[in-house]
Amino acid sequence: MLNSLKNNFNALSNLQKAGLAAILVAVYGGVLALTITSSRPTYGVLYSKLSLEDASAIKTKLQERNISFKLESDRRGETIQIPADQVPGTRLDLAGMDLPKDHADVGNEIFDKTTCDITEPVQKINKRRAIEGELSRTIKGLTGVKDARVHIAMPVKAVASKPAEDGKAAVTIHMLKGYQLNVKQVIGIKYIVASSVERLTPKKVIILDSKGNILNTPHKDPSLAY
């Protein structure tokens, strides 16, 4: 068979040989490019619309952890992307460090699909749902988490007949068999939920397991109560 291929190749004119060589080079180059591209990690947005200060602080933390990242800037602020499979865990780690400090747009992409004549009450409901949904997706990205539900009671402004009320939140987490959250993860969840809602403090966030047990209790770790 090899001799047959060799004879067929030798029977070609110089122009035909050059054309065949060009085709082989192009095919090899395409395969090589595909291999390189497929080996690169898929990036996901860690945070967008960041201030320069937050972007700089987060970049430092990513470098300390040897996490590759991409940084982009536009008129809305800084956007940081990291490998998509590391987004949920990294968000929780950063939240435990109170980062970002000036980020209140988590989940607000829901408003990109709303109409301009939407009422204020519906706007508020959409905002709450967007925050709850984004937080649930982030928590479900943790290893061992089967499902997560976040329920938020938004803060209420004071009126003449009623005092102001701070926000509250409850997080219910269902783990896969054989997995459980450690103290660091519980603290991270508590802080990322609190930092996503105005006037919601970490001590107002309750984290429950699938059996209704409260995970962030002071008898397990004093820091969990605050």
Protein backbone atom coordinates (compact mmCIF):
# COMPACT_ATOMS: atom_id res chain seq x y z
CA MET A 1 0.00 0.00 0.00
CA LEU A 2 2.85 2.35 0.83
CA ASN A 3 4.47 1.63 -2.54
CA SER A 4 1.17 2.38 -4.28
CA LEU A 5 0.87 5.73 -2.48
CA LYS A 6 4.49 6.53 -3.31
CA ASN A 7 3.98 5.72 -7.00
CA ASN A 8 0.80 7.81 -7.12
CA PHE A 9 2.62 10.72 -5.50
CA ASN A 10 5.57 10.45 -7.91
CA ALA A 11 3.12 10.46 -10.81
CA LEU A 12 1.88 13.90 -9.81
CA SER A 13 3.23 17.02 -11.47
CA ASN A 14 5.30 19.47 -9.42
CA LEU A 15 2.31 21.83 -9.26
CA GLN A 16 0.05 19.05 -7.98
CA LYS A 17 2.64 18.02 -5.40
CA ALA A 18 2.88 21.62 -4.17
CA GLY A 19 -0.91 21.85 -3.92
CA LEU A 20 -1.12 18.59 -1.97
CA ALA A 21 1.63 19.76 0.38
CA ALA A 22 -0.26 23.03 0.98
CA ILE A 23 -3.43 21.10 1.82
CA LEU A 24 -1.57 18.84 4.28
CA VAL A 25 0.02 21.85 5.99
CA ALA A 26 -3.38 23.55 6.28
CA VAL A 27 -4.97 20.42 7.77
CA TYR A 28 -2.10 19.96 10.24
CA GLY A 29 -2.32 23.61 11.23
CA GLY A 30 -6.08 23.34 11.78
CA VAL A 31 -5.71 20.24 13.95
CA LEU A 32 -2.95 21.90 15.97
CA ALA A 33 -5.01 25.06 16.48
CA LEU A 34 -8.03 22.99 17.57
CA THR A 35 -5.91 21.03 20.02
CA ILE A 36 -4.48 24.20 21.57
CA THR A 37 -7.89 25.86 21.79
CA SER A 38 -9.58 22.82 23.36
CA SER A 39 -6.86 22.60 26.00
CA ARG A 40 -7.47 26.14 27.20
CA PRO A 41 -9.84 26.56 30.17
CA THR A 42 -13.29 28.06 29.64
CA TYR A 43 -13.46 31.40 31.44
CA GLY A 44 -16.46 32.73 33.35
CA VAL A 45 -17.17 36.14 34.89
CA LEU A 46 -16.09 36.30 38.51
CA TYR A 47 -17.29 39.89 38.97
CA SER A 48 -18.18 42.79 36.70
CA LYS A 49 -18.67 46.54 37.22
CA LEU A 50 -15.93 46.57 39.86
CA SER A 51 -14.24 49.68 41.17
CA LEU A 52 -10.51 50.02 40.53
CA GLU A 53 -9.84 49.42 44.22
CA ASP A 54 -11.85 46.20 44.35
CA ALA A 55 -10.40 44.95 41.08
CA SER A 56 -6.86 45.54 42.36
CA ALA A 57 -7.54 43.80 45.68
CA ILE A 58 -9.17 40.80 44.00
CA LYS A 59 -6.37 40.55 41.45
CA THR A 60 -3.85 40.35 44.29
CA LYS A 61 -5.79 37.55 45.98
CA LEU A 62 -6.04 35.60 42.70
CA GLN A 63 -2.31 35.93 42.14
CA GLU A 64 -1.63 34.67 45.68
CA ARG A 65 -3.72 31.59 44.90
CA ASN A 66 -2.17 31.05 41.44
CA ILE A 67 -5.59 31.42 39.78
CA SER A 68 -5.32 32.59 36.17
CA PHE A 69 -7.53 35.55 35.29
CA LYS A 70 -8.47 38.04 32.61
CA LEU A 71 -9.06 41.71 33.41
CA GLU A 72 -11.12 43.97 31.15
CA SER A 73 -12.13 47.60 31.56
CA ASP A 74 -15.00 49.65 30.16
CA ARG A 75 -17.03 52.69 31.19
CA ARG A 76 -19.07 50.58 33.64
CA GLY A 77 -16.03 49.37 35.57
CA GLU A 78 -13.65 46.45 35.74
CA THR A 79 -14.54 42.87 34.81
CA ILE A 80 -12.53 39.90 36.05
CA GLN A 81 -12.82 36.43 34.48
CA ILE A 82 -11.32 33.21 35.81
CA PRO A 83 -11.67 29.53 34.81
CA ALA A 84 -15.42 28.85 34.96
CA ASP A 85 -15.12 25.82 37.26
CA GLN A 86 -13.37 27.97 39.87
CA VAL A 87 -15.93 30.80 39.94
CA PRO A 88 -18.27 29.56 42.72
CA GLY A 89 -15.57 28.58 45.20
CA THR A 90 -13.54 31.73 44.53
CA ARG A 91 -16.56 33.97 45.09
CA LEU A 92 -17.14 32.38 48.47
CA ASP A 93 -13.48 32.69 49.45
CA LEU A 94 -13.45 36.37 48.50
CA ALA A 95 -16.73 37.00 50.31
CA GLY A 96 -15.13 35.65 53.48
CA MET A 97 -12.48 38.36 53.04
CA ASP A 98 -15.21 41.00 52.54
CA LEU A 99 -14.40 41.34 48.84
CA PRO A 100 -15.57 43.02 46.75
CA LYS A 101 -16.38 45.89 49.10
CA ASP A 102 -18.33 47.98 46.60
CA HIS A 103 -20.30 45.48 44.51
CA ALA A 104 -24.11 45.57 44.47
CA ASP A 105 -25.01 44.36 40.99
CA VAL A 106 -25.07 40.58 41.45
CA GLY A 107 -27.99 39.17 39.47
CA ASN A 108 -29.15 42.49 38.06
CA GLU A 109 -28.86 41.16 34.49
CA ILE A 110 -32.52 40.18 34.85
CA PHE A 111 -33.40 43.80 34.16
CA ASP A 112 -31.92 43.58 30.66
CA LYS A 113 -35.09 41.76 29.59
CA THR A 114 -37.67 43.97 31.31
CA THR A 115 -39.73 46.67 29.65
CA CYS A 116 -39.53 50.36 30.42
CA ASP A 117 -43.13 50.51 31.74
CA ILE A 118 -42.59 47.96 34.52
CA THR A 119 -43.96 49.05 37.90
CA GLU A 120 -41.80 49.75 40.95
CA PRO A 121 -43.19 46.81 43.01
CA VAL A 122 -42.38 44.42 40.16
CA GLN A 123 -38.91 45.95 39.88
CA LYS A 124 -38.33 45.18 43.55
CA ILE A 125 -39.56 41.61 43.17
CA ASN A 126 -37.33 41.09 40.12
CA LYS A 127 -34.33 42.42 42.01
CA ARG A 128 -34.94 40.07 44.92
CA ARG A 129 -35.44 37.09 42.63
CA ALA A 130 -32.32 37.94 40.65
CA ILE A 131 -30.19 38.10 43.78
CA GLU A 132 -31.66 34.89 45.17
CA GLY A 133 -31.12 33.07 41.88
CA GLU A 134 -27.53 34.21 41.44
CA LEU A 135 -26.64 33.32 45.01
CA SER A 136 -28.26 29.88 44.65
CA ARG A 137 -26.24 29.18 41.49
CA THR A 138 -23.04 30.25 43.21
CA ILE A 139 -23.64 28.03 46.23
CA LYS A 140 -24.64 25.06 44.06
CA GLY A 141 -21.27 25.36 42.35
CA LEU A 142 -19.52 24.17 45.51
CA THR A 143 -18.27 20.60 45.53
CA GLY A 144 -20.78 18.27 47.15
CA VAL A 145 -23.74 20.68 47.04
CA LYS A 146 -26.76 19.03 45.40
CA ASP A 147 -29.14 21.98 45.68
CA ALA A 148 -29.42 25.36 47.39
CA ARG A 149 -32.25 27.80 47.95
CA VAL A 150 -31.83 31.39 49.10
CA HIS A 151 -34.76 33.36 50.52
CA ILE A 152 -34.27 37.06 51.21
CA ALA A 153 -36.44 39.52 53.12
CA MET A 154 -35.36 42.86 51.70
CA PRO A 155 -34.81 45.79 54.08
CA VAL A 156 -37.74 48.16 54.62
CA LYS A 157 -37.34 51.93 54.80
CA ALA A 158 -38.83 53.79 57.73
CA VAL A 159 -42.19 55.51 57.26
CA ALA A 160 -44.23 57.68 59.56
CA SER A 161 -46.08 54.78 61.16
CA LYS A 162 -43.44 52.07 60.87
CA PRO A 163 -39.73 51.90 61.79
CA ALA A 164 -37.08 50.71 59.36
CA GLU A 165 -36.31 47.01 59.18
CA ASP A 166 -32.98 45.44 58.26
CA GLY A 167 -32.77 42.68 55.68
CA LYS A 168 -32.84 39.00 56.60
CA ALA A 169 -31.92 35.85 54.69
CA ALA A 170 -32.23 32.09 55.00
CA VAL A 171 -30.16 29.63 52.97
CA THR A 172 -31.17 25.96 52.73
CA ILE A 173 -28.49 23.63 51.41
CA HIS A 174 -28.87 20.00 50.32
CA MET A 175 -25.60 18.08 50.21
CA LEU A 176 -24.73 14.95 48.26
CA LYS A 177 -24.27 11.80 50.32
CA GLY A 178 -20.88 11.75 51.99
CA TYR A 179 -20.31 15.52 51.81
CA GLN A 180 -20.67 18.29 54.36
CA LEU A 181 -19.77 21.97 54.49
CA ASN A 182 -16.78 22.99 56.55
CA VAL A 183 -16.66 26.09 58.77
CA LYS A 184 -14.81 28.15 56.16
CA GLN A 185 -17.48 27.43 53.54
CA VAL A 186 -20.31 28.29 55.94
CA ILE A 187 -18.65 31.61 56.76
CA GLY A 188 -18.12 32.31 53.07
CA ILE A 189 -21.78 31.63 52.25
CA LYS A 190 -22.91 33.85 55.10
CA TYR A 191 -20.77 36.77 53.93
CA ILE A 192 -21.51 36.50 50.22
CA VAL A 193 -25.26 36.54 50.94
CA ALA A 194 -24.93 39.50 53.30
CA SER A 195 -22.76 41.49 50.90
CA SER A 196 -25.33 41.11 48.11
CA VAL A 197 -28.11 42.99 49.91
CA GLU A 198 -28.10 46.50 51.31
CA ARG A 199 -28.54 46.62 55.09
CA LEU A 200 -28.20 42.86 55.46
CA THR A 201 -25.57 41.93 58.03
CA PRO A 202 -23.93 38.47 58.28
CA LYS A 203 -25.59 37.81 61.65
CA LYS A 204 -28.99 38.13 59.93
CA VAL A 205 -28.19 35.23 57.58
CA ILE A 206 -29.32 31.78 58.69
CA ILE A 207 -27.85 28.72 56.98
CA LEU A 208 -29.77 25.45 57.23
CA ASP A 209 -29.10 21.90 56.08
CA SER A 210 -31.72 19.68 54.45
CA LYS A 211 -32.88 18.49 57.90
CA GLY A 212 -33.46 22.03 59.16
CA ASN A 213 -30.34 22.15 61.36
CA ILE A 214 -28.78 25.60 61.67
CA LEU A 215 -25.16 25.41 60.50
CA ASN A 216 -23.95 28.88 61.50
CA THR A 217 -24.34 28.60 65.25
CA PRO A 218 -21.90 30.12 67.78
CA HIS A 219 -21.37 26.82 69.64
CA LYS A 220 -19.66 25.40 66.53
CA ASP A 221 -17.54 28.48 65.92
CA PRO A 222 -17.94 31.91 67.60
CA SER A 223 -17.24 33.71 64.32
CA LEU A 224 -20.35 32.14 62.76
CA ALA A 225 -22.66 34.18 64.97
CA TYR A 226 -21.57 37.55 63.60
